[in-house]
Amino acid sequence: MGMGVAAIAVAAIGAYSSSQSSQASSDAAMTAARASKSIAEKQIKLLRDMYEQNRADMLPFLQAGKNALKRLNSSDVTGGAKEYLKELMGLTFPDGVDPTGGAQKYIDQLDQLEFKLDTSDPIYQWRAAENERQVNQFMASRGGYDSRAAANMLLSSGMQLQTEETERQFNQRYLAKYNQLTDLANMSYQQGQAQYKQATDKYSADVSKNITGYNAALQLGQAEYNKLLDLVKVGTGASSAAGNYGQNTANQISNVMGQNSTNQQNAILQSGAAQSAAWQGYGQSANNALMMYYMSQS
């Protein structure tokens, strides 16, 4: 009887020891599972926080690129240069500007100007009559009135008179008119040249102003376009970087979750195995106790 009780006690102690060992193994497995879950949650939170911070850091660049893209679609790459080009194409040299200033009409009058002795001139007629009277008086005093000598003297003095009157009338009428027309032609030409130069200078200045404005506007337009294009590139780069960072974060979270899932499965399997071993120990201890009991009774 004493041996049987001892056998049962030994079996009970073995069963308890096996149970405690299995429970300890099971608890250790579940503790490891909880630790794995906690670490995984912290890692996932850290990754998400890092992703949100990265997204916040990239947001100004994304917004700048978005705003630049809107402005780029409505921007004028020429910077308004076409307005200068339009005005430039519309410039014409002023009509009605005569570089000669109308001098041609005076030149035409000079071409038509002719000199002819005017025998009807009062001075000429008076001098002719006075010449004839003097010649006749002179010849009559010498008894040669109406003589051949008187006729020759009258002819000679008449020719001298015509020469003098030609010079006088040329200077008084033709030369004065010639000088007047020449002065008017020169004055008109100088005025025409001044007006022509003024019109030419204004036309050249307008052309230069529009060409300068066109080039300046074109440069500004190109600079503004390039600046917006650079901002669009910055936004595109930020979007790509944010996308890549998000993809990497998703992959890392997936890996953490996968590893945690594996750890949880292993912990469950280890805990189950420990529980199973405990029950097997119970059964083996009971069998051993029965065998020892029966042996002590025989």
C-alpha atoms as a PDB file:
ATOM      1  CA  MET A   1       0.000   0.000   0.000  1.00  0.00           C
ATOM      2  CA  GLY A   2       2.810   2.419   0.795  1.00  0.00           C
ATOM      3  CA  MET A   3       4.559   1.776  -2.512  1.00  0.00           C
ATOM      4  CA  GLY A   4       1.357   2.524  -4.480  1.00  0.00           C
ATOM      5  CA  VAL A   5       0.838   5.852  -2.788  1.00  0.00           C
ATOM      6  CA  ALA A   6       4.465   6.713  -3.404  1.00  0.00           C
ATOM      7  CA  ALA A   7       4.121   5.792  -7.058  1.00  0.00           C
ATOM      8  CA  ILE A   8       1.041   7.971  -7.409  1.00  0.00           C
ATOM      9  CA  ALA A   9       2.825  10.833  -5.635  1.00  0.00           C
ATOM     10  CA  VAL A  10       5.821  10.505  -7.936  1.00  0.00           C
ATOM     11  CA  ALA A  11       3.526  10.469 -10.963  1.00  0.00           C
ATOM     12  CA  ALA A  12       1.667  13.524  -9.669  1.00  0.00           C
ATOM     13  CA  ILE A  13       4.902  15.405  -9.131  1.00  0.00           C
ATOM     14  CA  GLY A  14       6.081  14.496 -12.639  1.00  0.00           C
ATOM     15  CA  ALA A  15       2.777  15.571 -14.127  1.00  0.00           C
ATOM     16  CA  TYR A  16       2.901  18.892 -12.276  1.00  0.00           C
ATOM     17  CA  SER A  17       6.490  19.488 -13.283  1.00  0.00           C
ATOM     18  CA  SER A  18       5.651  18.727 -16.909  1.00  0.00           C
ATOM     19  CA  SER A  19       2.618  21.013 -16.739  1.00  0.00           C
ATOM     20  CA  GLN A  20       4.636  23.895 -15.332  1.00  0.00           C
ATOM     21  CA  SER A  21       7.348  23.455 -17.951  1.00  0.00           C
ATOM     22  CA  SER A  22       4.819  23.333 -20.781  1.00  0.00           C
ATOM     23  CA  GLN A  23       2.944  26.337 -19.398  1.00  0.00           C
ATOM     24  CA  ALA A  24       6.184  28.250 -19.115  1.00  0.00           C
ATOM     25  CA  SER A  25       6.980  27.425 -22.732  1.00  0.00           C
ATOM     26  CA  SER A  26       3.486  28.436 -23.812  1.00  0.00           C
ATOM     27  CA  ASP A  27       3.664  31.683 -21.842  1.00  0.00           C
ATOM     28  CA  ALA A  28       7.070  32.458 -23.288  1.00  0.00           C
ATOM     29  CA  ALA A  29       5.739  31.903 -26.810  1.00  0.00           C
ATOM     30  CA  MET A  30       2.732  34.180 -26.226  1.00  0.00           C
ATOM     31  CA  THR A  31       4.935  36.822 -24.583  1.00  0.00           C
ATOM     32  CA  ALA A  32       7.164  36.758 -27.643  1.00  0.00           C
ATOM     33  CA  ALA A  33       4.056  37.074 -29.829  1.00  0.00           C
ATOM     34  CA  ARG A  34       2.826  40.107 -27.883  1.00  0.00           C
ATOM     35  CA  ALA A  35       6.293  41.673 -28.041  1.00  0.00           C
ATOM     36  CA  SER A  36       6.435  41.056 -31.787  1.00  0.00           C
ATOM     37  CA  LYS A  37       3.001  42.657 -32.236  1.00  0.00           C
ATOM     38  CA  SER A  38       3.978  45.671 -30.125  1.00  0.00           C
ATOM     39  CA  ILE A  39       7.228  46.159 -32.018  1.00  0.00           C
ATOM     40  CA  ALA A  40       5.412  45.762 -35.340  1.00  0.00           C
ATOM     41  CA  GLU A  41       2.795  48.365 -34.358  1.00  0.00           C
ATOM     42  CA  LYS A  42       5.507  50.820 -33.322  1.00  0.00           C
ATOM     43  CA  GLN A  43       7.428  50.212 -36.521  1.00  0.00           C
ATOM     44  CA  ILE A  44       4.295  50.714 -38.599  1.00  0.00           C
ATOM     45  CA  LYS A  45       3.429  53.918 -36.713  1.00  0.00           C
ATOM     46  CA  LEU A  46       6.967  55.198 -37.197  1.00  0.00           C
ATOM     47  CA  LEU A  47       6.847  54.412 -40.910  1.00  0.00           C
ATOM     48  CA  ARG A  48       3.459  56.106 -41.262  1.00  0.00           C
ATOM     49  CA  ASP A  49       4.652  59.168 -39.316  1.00  0.00           C
ATOM     50  CA  MET A  50       7.734  59.365 -41.506  1.00  0.00           C
ATOM     51  CA  TYR A  51       5.538  59.065 -44.614  1.00  0.00           C
ATOM     52  CA  GLU A  52       3.200  61.835 -43.422  1.00  0.00           C
ATOM     53  CA  GLN A  53       6.174  64.064 -42.588  1.00  0.00           C
ATOM     54  CA  ASN A  54       7.706  63.416 -45.984  1.00  0.00           C
ATOM     55  CA  ARG A  55       4.374  64.190 -47.636  1.00  0.00           C
ATOM     56  CA  ALA A  56       4.102  67.441 -45.655  1.00  0.00           C
ATOM     57  CA  ASP A  57       7.678  68.357 -46.638  1.00  0.00           C
ATOM     58  CA  MET A  58       6.928  67.685 -50.317  1.00  0.00           C
ATOM     59  CA  LEU A  59       3.559  69.488 -50.318  1.00  0.00           C
ATOM     60  CA  PRO A  60       4.935  73.029 -50.933  1.00  0.00           C
ATOM     61  CA  PHE A  61       6.908  71.767 -53.925  1.00  0.00           C
ATOM     62  CA  LEU A  62       3.901  69.864 -55.235  1.00  0.00           C
ATOM     63  CA  GLN A  63       1.704  72.959 -54.841  1.00  0.00           C
ATOM     64  CA  ALA A  64       4.301  75.181 -56.487  1.00  0.00           C
ATOM     65  CA  GLY A  65       4.488  72.836 -59.455  1.00  0.00           C
ATOM     66  CA  LYS A  66       0.685  72.662 -59.679  1.00  0.00           C
ATOM     67  CA  ASN A  67       0.306  76.449 -59.604  1.00  0.00           C
ATOM     68  CA  ALA A  68       3.121  76.876 -62.136  1.00  0.00           C
ATOM     69  CA  LEU A  69       1.436  74.388 -64.471  1.00  0.00           C
ATOM     70  CA  LYS A  70      -1.793  76.418 -64.416  1.00  0.00           C
ATOM     71  CA  ARG A  71       0.115  79.611 -65.188  1.00  0.00           C
ATOM     72  CA  LEU A  72       2.186  77.844 -67.827  1.00  0.00           C
ATOM     73  CA  ASN A  73      -0.904  76.778 -69.747  1.00  0.00           C
ATOM     74  CA  SER A  74      -2.121  80.373 -69.951  1.00  0.00           C
ATOM     75  CA  SER A  75       1.229  82.158 -70.225  1.00  0.00           C
ATOM     76  CA  ASP A  76       2.477  84.005 -73.318  1.00  0.00           C
ATOM     77  CA  VAL A  77       5.894  82.665 -74.200  1.00  0.00           C
ATOM     78  CA  THR A  78       6.536  85.830 -76.259  1.00  0.00           C
ATOM     79  CA  GLY A  79       5.842  88.110 -73.289  1.00  0.00           C
ATOM     80  CA  GLY A  80       3.559  90.290 -75.419  1.00  0.00           C
ATOM     81  CA  ALA A  81       6.211  90.734 -78.110  1.00  0.00           C
ATOM     82  CA  LYS A  82       3.604  90.177 -80.829  1.00  0.00           C
ATOM     83  CA  GLU A  83       2.085  93.579 -80.008  1.00  0.00           C
ATOM     84  CA  TYR A  84       5.387  95.263 -80.849  1.00  0.00           C
ATOM     85  CA  LEU A  85       5.648  93.153 -83.989  1.00  0.00           C
ATOM     86  CA  LYS A  86       2.126  94.139 -84.997  1.00  0.00           C
ATOM     87  CA  GLU A  87       2.908  97.822 -84.526  1.00  0.00           C
ATOM     88  CA  LEU A  88       6.220  97.399 -86.345  1.00  0.00           C
ATOM     89  CA  MET A  89       4.530  95.814 -89.346  1.00  0.00           C
ATOM     90  CA  GLY A  90       2.031  98.682 -89.384  1.00  0.00           C
ATOM     91  CA  LEU A  91       4.695 101.395 -89.593  1.00  0.00           C
ATOM     92  CA  THR A  92       4.858 103.212 -92.933  1.00  0.00           C
ATOM     93  CA  PHE A  93       6.979 106.108 -94.089  1.00  0.00           C
ATOM     94  CA  PRO A  94       4.888 109.310 -93.872  1.00  0.00           C
ATOM     95  CA  ASP A  95       3.137 110.124 -97.134  1.00  0.00           C
ATOM     96  CA  GLY A  96       3.435 113.577 -98.650  1.00  0.00           C
ATOM     97  CA  VAL A  97       6.983 114.201 -97.453  1.00  0.00           C
ATOM     98  CA  ASP A  98       8.853 115.761-100.401  1.00  0.00           C
ATOM     99  CA  PRO A  99      12.621 115.766 -99.812  1.00  0.00           C
ATOM    100  CA  THR A 100      12.935 118.682-102.282  1.00  0.00           C
ATOM    101  CA  GLY A 101      10.307 120.739-100.420  1.00  0.00           C
ATOM    102  CA  GLY A 102       8.554 121.609-103.696  1.00  0.00           C
ATOM    103  CA  ALA A 103      11.662 123.153-105.243  1.00  0.00           C
ATOM    104  CA  GLN A 104      10.831 121.568-108.573  1.00  0.00           C
ATOM    105  CA  LYS A 105       8.190 124.197-109.388  1.00  0.00           C
ATOM    106  CA  TYR A 106      10.810 126.930-109.109  1.00  0.00           C
ATOM    107  CA  ILE A 107      13.246 124.901-111.198  1.00  0.00           C
ATOM    108  CA  ASP A 108      10.549 124.533-113.865  1.00  0.00           C
ATOM    109  CA  GLN A 109      10.061 128.308-113.851  1.00  0.00           C
ATOM    110  CA  LEU A 110      13.814 128.753-114.244  1.00  0.00           C
ATOM    111  CA  ASP A 111      13.743 126.435-117.257  1.00  0.00           C
ATOM    112  CA  GLN A 112      10.966 128.527-118.795  1.00  0.00           C
ATOM    113  CA  LEU A 113      12.640 131.846-117.974  1.00  0.00           C
ATOM    114  CA  GLU A 114      13.740 133.709-121.182  1.00  0.00           C
ATOM    115  CA  PHE A 115      15.190 137.137-121.777  1.00  0.00           C
ATOM    116  CA  LYS A 116      14.203 139.393-124.672  1.00  0.00           C
ATOM    117  CA  LEU A 117      14.867 143.066-125.036  1.00  0.00           C
ATOM    118  CA  ASP A 118      11.644 144.951-124.458  1.00  0.00           C
ATOM    119  CA  THR A 119      11.616 147.849-126.923  1.00  0.00           C
ATOM    120  CA  SER A 120       8.303 148.966-125.503  1.00  0.00           C
ATOM    121  CA  ASP A 121       9.950 149.720-122.193  1.00  0.00           C
ATOM    122  CA  PRO A 122       9.370 153.447-121.423  1.00  0.00           C
ATOM    123  CA  ILE A 123      12.991 154.036-120.511  1.00  0.00           C
ATOM    124  CA  TYR A 124      14.142 152.386-123.699  1.00  0.00           C
ATOM    125  CA  GLN A 125      11.735 154.429-125.835  1.00  0.00           C
ATOM    126  CA  TRP A 126      12.752 157.679-124.120  1.00  0.00           C
ATOM    127  CA  ARG A 127      16.458 156.963-124.564  1.00  0.00           C
ATOM    128  CA  ALA A 128      15.942 155.976-128.231  1.00  0.00           C
ATOM    129  CA  ALA A 129      14.031 159.183-128.940  1.00  0.00           C
ATOM    130  CA  GLU A 130      16.591 161.271-127.066  1.00  0.00           C
ATOM    131  CA  ASN A 131      19.435 159.527-128.935  1.00  0.00           C
ATOM    132  CA  GLU A 132      17.820 160.248-132.300  1.00  0.00           C
ATOM    133  CA  ARG A 133      17.169 163.891-131.357  1.00  0.00           C
ATOM    134  CA  GLN A 134      20.760 164.416-130.267  1.00  0.00           C
ATOM    135  CA  VAL A 135      22.195 162.788-133.382  1.00  0.00           C
ATOM    136  CA  ASN A 136      19.919 164.832-135.646  1.00  0.00           C
ATOM    137  CA  GLN A 137      20.730 168.042-133.770  1.00  0.00           C
ATOM    138  CA  PHE A 138      24.439 167.273-133.962  1.00  0.00           C
ATOM    139  CA  MET A 139      24.422 166.511-137.693  1.00  0.00           C
ATOM    140  CA  ALA A 140      22.165 169.485-138.453  1.00  0.00           C
ATOM    141  CA  SER A 141      24.630 171.812-136.797  1.00  0.00           C
ATOM    142  CA  ARG A 142      27.219 170.600-139.236  1.00  0.00           C
ATOM    143  CA  GLY A 143      24.983 170.623-142.256  1.00  0.00           C
ATOM    144  CA  GLY A 144      24.785 166.835-142.428  1.00  0.00           C
ATOM    145  CA  TYR A 145      21.170 166.292-141.388  1.00  0.00           C
ATOM    146  CA  ASP A 146      19.565 163.388-143.169  1.00  0.00           C
ATOM    147  CA  SER A 147      22.909 162.451-144.662  1.00  0.00           C
ATOM    148  CA  ARG A 148      24.509 159.076-144.946  1.00  0.00           C
ATOM    149  CA  ALA A 149      26.884 159.980-142.149  1.00  0.00           C
ATOM    150  CA  ALA A 150      23.926 160.925-140.007  1.00  0.00           C
ATOM    151  CA  ALA A 151      22.313 157.564-140.720  1.00  0.00           C
ATOM    152  CA  ASN A 152      25.498 155.697-139.835  1.00  0.00           C
ATOM    153  CA  MET A 153      25.913 157.696-136.636  1.00  0.00           C
ATOM    154  CA  LEU A 154      22.288 157.068-135.732  1.00  0.00           C
ATOM    155  CA  LEU A 155      22.736 153.322-136.375  1.00  0.00           C
ATOM    156  CA  SER A 156      25.890 153.161-134.293  1.00  0.00           C
ATOM    157  CA  SER A 157      24.371 155.050-131.378  1.00  0.00           C
ATOM    158  CA  GLY A 158      21.222 152.916-131.628  1.00  0.00           C
ATOM    159  CA  MET A 159      23.275 149.736-131.352  1.00  0.00           C
ATOM    160  CA  GLN A 160      25.080 151.155-128.358  1.00  0.00           C
ATOM    161  CA  LEU A 161      21.721 151.997-126.823  1.00  0.00           C
ATOM    162  CA  GLN A 162      20.445 148.446-127.382  1.00  0.00           C
ATOM    163  CA  THR A 163      23.546 147.049-125.724  1.00  0.00           C
ATOM    164  CA  GLU A 164      23.142 149.261-122.703  1.00  0.00           C
ATOM    165  CA  GLU A 165      19.418 148.635-122.473  1.00  0.00           C
ATOM    166  CA  THR A 166      19.956 144.887-122.843  1.00  0.00           C
ATOM    167  CA  GLU A 167      22.314 144.918-119.868  1.00  0.00           C
ATOM    168  CA  ARG A 168      19.990 147.167-117.866  1.00  0.00           C
ATOM    169  CA  GLN A 169      16.864 145.169-118.562  1.00  0.00           C
ATOM    170  CA  PHE A 170      18.725 141.848-118.044  1.00  0.00           C
ATOM    171  CA  ASN A 171      19.890 142.967-114.610  1.00  0.00           C
ATOM    172  CA  GLN A 172      16.565 144.516-113.650  1.00  0.00           C
ATOM    173  CA  ARG A 173      14.184 141.886-114.952  1.00  0.00           C
ATOM    174  CA  TYR A 174      15.808 138.550-115.875  1.00  0.00           C
ATOM    175  CA  LEU A 175      18.679 138.373-113.377  1.00  0.00           C
ATOM    176  CA  ALA A 176      16.515 139.546-110.509  1.00  0.00           C
ATOM    177  CA  LYS A 177      13.844 136.956-111.378  1.00  0.00           C
ATOM    178  CA  TYR A 178      16.538 134.288-111.830  1.00  0.00           C
ATOM    179  CA  ASN A 179      18.056 135.039-108.425  1.00  0.00           C
ATOM    180  CA  GLN A 180      14.611 135.102-106.811  1.00  0.00           C
ATOM    181  CA  LEU A 181      13.654 131.711-108.261  1.00  0.00           C
ATOM    182  CA  THR A 182      17.056 130.261-107.376  1.00  0.00           C
ATOM    183  CA  ASP A 183      16.745 131.474-103.771  1.00  0.00           C
ATOM    184  CA  LEU A 184      13.223 130.069-103.496  1.00  0.00           C
ATOM    185  CA  ALA A 185      14.344 126.721-104.936  1.00  0.00           C
ATOM    186  CA  ASN A 186      17.277 126.506-102.501  1.00  0.00           C
ATOM    187  CA  MET A 187      15.124 127.513 -99.548  1.00  0.00           C
ATOM    188  CA  SER A 188      12.432 124.998-100.476  1.00  0.00           C
ATOM    189  CA  TYR A 189      15.011 122.254-100.918  1.00  0.00           C
ATOM    190  CA  GLN A 190      16.581 122.964 -97.511  1.00  0.00           C
ATOM    191  CA  GLN A 191      13.166 122.984 -95.825  1.00  0.00           C
ATOM    192  CA  GLY A 192      12.240 119.777 -97.629  1.00  0.00           C
ATOM    193  CA  GLN A 193      15.471 118.117 -96.555  1.00  0.00           C
ATOM    194  CA  ALA A 194      14.864 119.169 -92.936  1.00  0.00           C
ATOM    195  CA  GLN A 195      11.292 117.840 -93.004  1.00  0.00           C
ATOM    196  CA  TYR A 196      12.430 114.674 -94.743  1.00  0.00           C
ATOM    197  CA  LYS A 197      15.172 114.110 -92.147  1.00  0.00           C
ATOM    198  CA  GLN A 198      12.692 114.736 -89.324  1.00  0.00           C
ATOM    199  CA  ALA A 199      10.255 112.224 -90.799  1.00  0.00           C
ATOM    200  CA  THR A 200      13.064 109.736 -91.442  1.00  0.00           C
ATOM    201  CA  ASP A 201      14.415 110.115 -87.904  1.00  0.00           C
ATOM    202  CA  LYS A 202      10.944 109.617 -86.426  1.00  0.00           C
ATOM    203  CA  TYR A 203      10.335 106.555 -88.586  1.00  0.00           C
ATOM    204  CA  SER A 204      13.734 105.096 -87.642  1.00  0.00           C
ATOM    205  CA  ALA A 205      13.094 105.843 -83.955  1.00  0.00           C
ATOM    206  CA  ASP A 206       9.688 104.128 -84.096  1.00  0.00           C
ATOM    207  CA  VAL A 207      11.218 101.105 -85.814  1.00  0.00           C
ATOM    208  CA  SER A 208      14.073 100.936 -83.289  1.00  0.00           C
ATOM    209  CA  LYS A 209      11.670 101.366 -80.346  1.00  0.00           C
ATOM    210  CA  ASN A 210       9.465  98.493 -81.495  1.00  0.00           C
ATOM    211  CA  ILE A 211      12.413  96.224 -82.281  1.00  0.00           C
ATOM    212  CA  THR A 212      13.908  96.944 -78.854  1.00  0.00           C
ATOM    213  CA  GLY A 213      10.535  96.380 -77.181  1.00  0.00           C
ATOM    214  CA  TYR A 214      10.013  93.170 -79.141  1.00  0.00           C
ATOM    215  CA  ASN A 215      13.391  91.744 -78.128  1.00  0.00           C
ATOM    216  CA  ALA A 216      12.977  92.779 -74.483  1.00  0.00           C
ATOM    217  CA  ALA A 217       9.450  91.356 -74.254  1.00  0.00           C
ATOM    218  CA  LEU A 218      10.564  88.139 -75.932  1.00  0.00           C
ATOM    219  CA  GLN A 219      13.430  87.711 -73.467  1.00  0.00           C
ATOM    220  CA  LEU A 220      11.167  88.389 -70.494  1.00  0.00           C
ATOM    221  CA  GLY A 221       8.559  85.991 -71.839  1.00  0.00           C
ATOM    222  CA  GLN A 222      11.145  83.259 -72.348  1.00  0.00           C
ATOM    223  CA  ALA A 223      12.589  83.865 -68.867  1.00  0.00           C
ATOM    224  CA  GLU A 224       9.135  83.685 -67.253  1.00  0.00           C
ATOM    225  CA  TYR A 225       8.272  80.567 -69.265  1.00  0.00           C
ATOM    226  CA  ASN A 226      11.531  78.867 -68.261  1.00  0.00           C
ATOM    227  CA  LYS A 227      10.962  79.806 -64.607  1.00  0.00           C
ATOM    228  CA  LEU A 228       7.468  78.279 -64.653  1.00  0.00           C
ATOM    229  CA  LEU A 229       8.787  75.234 -66.482  1.00  0.00           C
ATOM    230  CA  ASP A 230      11.467  74.775 -63.821  1.00  0.00           C
ATOM    231  CA  LEU A 231       8.795  74.974 -61.103  1.00  0.00           C
ATOM    232  CA  VAL A 232       6.732  72.379 -62.944  1.00  0.00           C
ATOM    233  CA  LYS A 233       9.811  70.139 -63.035  1.00  0.00           C
ATOM    234  CA  VAL A 234      10.294  70.698 -59.293  1.00  0.00           C
ATOM    235  CA  GLY A 235       6.663  69.704 -58.676  1.00  0.00           C
ATOM    236  CA  THR A 236       6.995  66.674 -60.930  1.00  0.00           C
ATOM    237  CA  GLY A 237      10.175  65.630 -59.148  1.00  0.00           C
ATOM    238  CA  ALA A 238       8.523  66.106 -55.748  1.00  0.00           C
ATOM    239  CA  SER A 239       5.515  64.064 -56.878  1.00  0.00           C
ATOM    240  CA  SER A 240       7.770  61.281 -58.125  1.00  0.00           C
ATOM    241  CA  ALA A 241       9.855  61.351 -54.929  1.00  0.00           C
ATOM    242  CA  ALA A 242       6.714  61.305 -52.770  1.00  0.00           C
ATOM    243  CA  GLY A 243       5.327  58.409 -54.796  1.00  0.00           C
ATOM    244  CA  ASN A 244       8.547  56.432 -54.489  1.00  0.00           C
ATOM    245  CA  TYR A 245       8.741  57.156 -50.778  1.00  0.00           C
ATOM    246  CA  GLY A 246       5.128  56.062 -50.361  1.00  0.00           C
ATOM    247  CA  GLN A 247       5.775  52.865 -52.284  1.00  0.00           C
ATOM    248  CA  ASN A 248       8.847  52.115 -50.186  1.00  0.00           C
ATOM    249  CA  THR A 249       6.886  52.834 -46.993  1.00  0.00           C
ATOM    250  CA  ALA A 250       4.083  50.510 -48.126  1.00  0.00           C
ATOM    251  CA  ASN A 251       6.624  47.782 -48.876  1.00  0.00           C
ATOM    252  CA  GLN A 252       8.265  48.211 -45.463  1.00  0.00           C
ATOM    253  CA  ILE A 253       4.880  48.135 -43.670  1.00  0.00           C
ATOM    254  CA  SER A 254       3.970  45.029 -45.649  1.00  0.00           C
ATOM    255  CA  ASN A 255       7.246  43.387 -44.621  1.00  0.00           C
ATOM    256  CA  VAL A 256       6.718  44.316 -40.962  1.00  0.00           C
ATOM    257  CA  MET A 257       3.171  43.007 -41.013  1.00  0.00           C
ATOM    258  CA  GLY A 258       4.301  39.831 -42.779  1.00  0.00           C
ATOM    259  CA  GLN A 259       7.070  39.236 -40.270  1.00  0.00           C
ATOM    260  CA  ASN A 260       4.690  39.875 -37.370  1.00  0.00           C
ATOM    261  CA  SER A 261       2.167  37.475 -38.880  1.00  0.00           C
ATOM    262  CA  THR A 262       4.871  34.827 -39.141  1.00  0.00           C
ATOM    263  CA  ASN A 263       5.927  35.481 -35.524  1.00  0.00           C
ATOM    264  CA  GLN A 264       2.305  35.219 -34.348  1.00  0.00           C
ATOM    265  CA  GLN A 265       1.826  31.942 -36.212  1.00  0.00           C
ATOM    266  CA  ASN A 266       5.048  30.515 -34.785  1.00  0.00           C
ATOM    267  CA  ALA A 267       4.032  31.598 -31.268  1.00  0.00           C
ATOM    268  CA  ILE A 268       0.631  29.933 -31.647  1.00  0.00           C
ATOM    269  CA  LEU A 269       2.273  26.761 -32.918  1.00  0.00           C
ATOM    270  CA  GLN A 270       4.831  26.805 -30.096  1.00  0.00           C
ATOM    271  CA  SER A 271       2.110  27.426 -27.485  1.00  0.00           C
ATOM    272  CA  GLY A 272      -0.018  24.631 -28.920  1.00  0.00           C
ATOM    273  CA  ALA A 273       2.939  22.307 -28.970  1.00  0.00           C
ATOM    274  CA  ALA A 274       3.695  23.143 -25.332  1.00  0.00           C
ATOM    275  CA  GLN A 275       0.061  22.520 -24.349  1.00  0.00           C
ATOM    276  CA  SER A 276       0.074  19.266 -26.246  1.00  0.00           C
ATOM    277  CA  ALA A 277       3.300  18.198 -24.549  1.00  0.00           C
ATOM    278  CA  ALA A 278       1.750  19.019 -21.181  1.00  0.00           C
ATOM    279  CA  TRP A 279      -1.236  16.798 -21.842  1.00  0.00           C
ATOM    280  CA  GLN A 280       1.014  14.052 -23.101  1.00  0.00           C
ATOM    281  CA  GLY A 281       3.023  14.374 -19.873  1.00  0.00           C
ATOM    282  CA  TYR A 282      -0.173  14.084 -17.859  1.00  0.00           C
ATOM    283  CA  GLY A 283      -1.092  10.907 -19.652  1.00  0.00           C
ATOM    284  CA  GLN A 284       2.339   9.381 -19.389  1.00  0.00           C
ATOM    285  CA  SER A 285       2.549  10.209 -15.671  1.00  0.00           C
ATOM    286  CA  ALA A 286      -0.850   8.603 -15.090  1.00  0.00           C
ATOM    287  CA  ASN A 287       0.198   5.485 -16.979  1.00  0.00           C
ATOM    288  CA  ASN A 288       3.429   5.302 -15.053  1.00  0.00           C
ATOM    289  CA  ALA A 289       1.574   5.742 -11.734  1.00  0.00           C
ATOM    290  CA  LEU A 290      -0.860   2.938 -12.607  1.00  0.00           C
ATOM    291  CA  MET A 291       1.932   0.624 -13.621  1.00  0.00           C
ATOM    292  CA  MET A 292       3.844   1.317 -10.434  1.00  0.00           C
ATOM    293  CA  TYR A 293       0.669   0.843  -8.414  1.00  0.00           C
ATOM    294  CA  TYR A 294      -0.124  -2.513  -9.954  1.00  0.00           C
ATOM    295  CA  MET A 295       3.427  -3.657  -9.571  1.00  0.00           C
ATOM    296  CA  SER A 296       3.422  -2.790  -5.908  1.00  0.00           C
ATOM    297  CA  GLN A 297       0.268  -4.850  -5.373  1.00  0.00           C
ATOM    298  CA  SER A 298       1.545  -7.999  -7.028  1.00  0.00           C
END
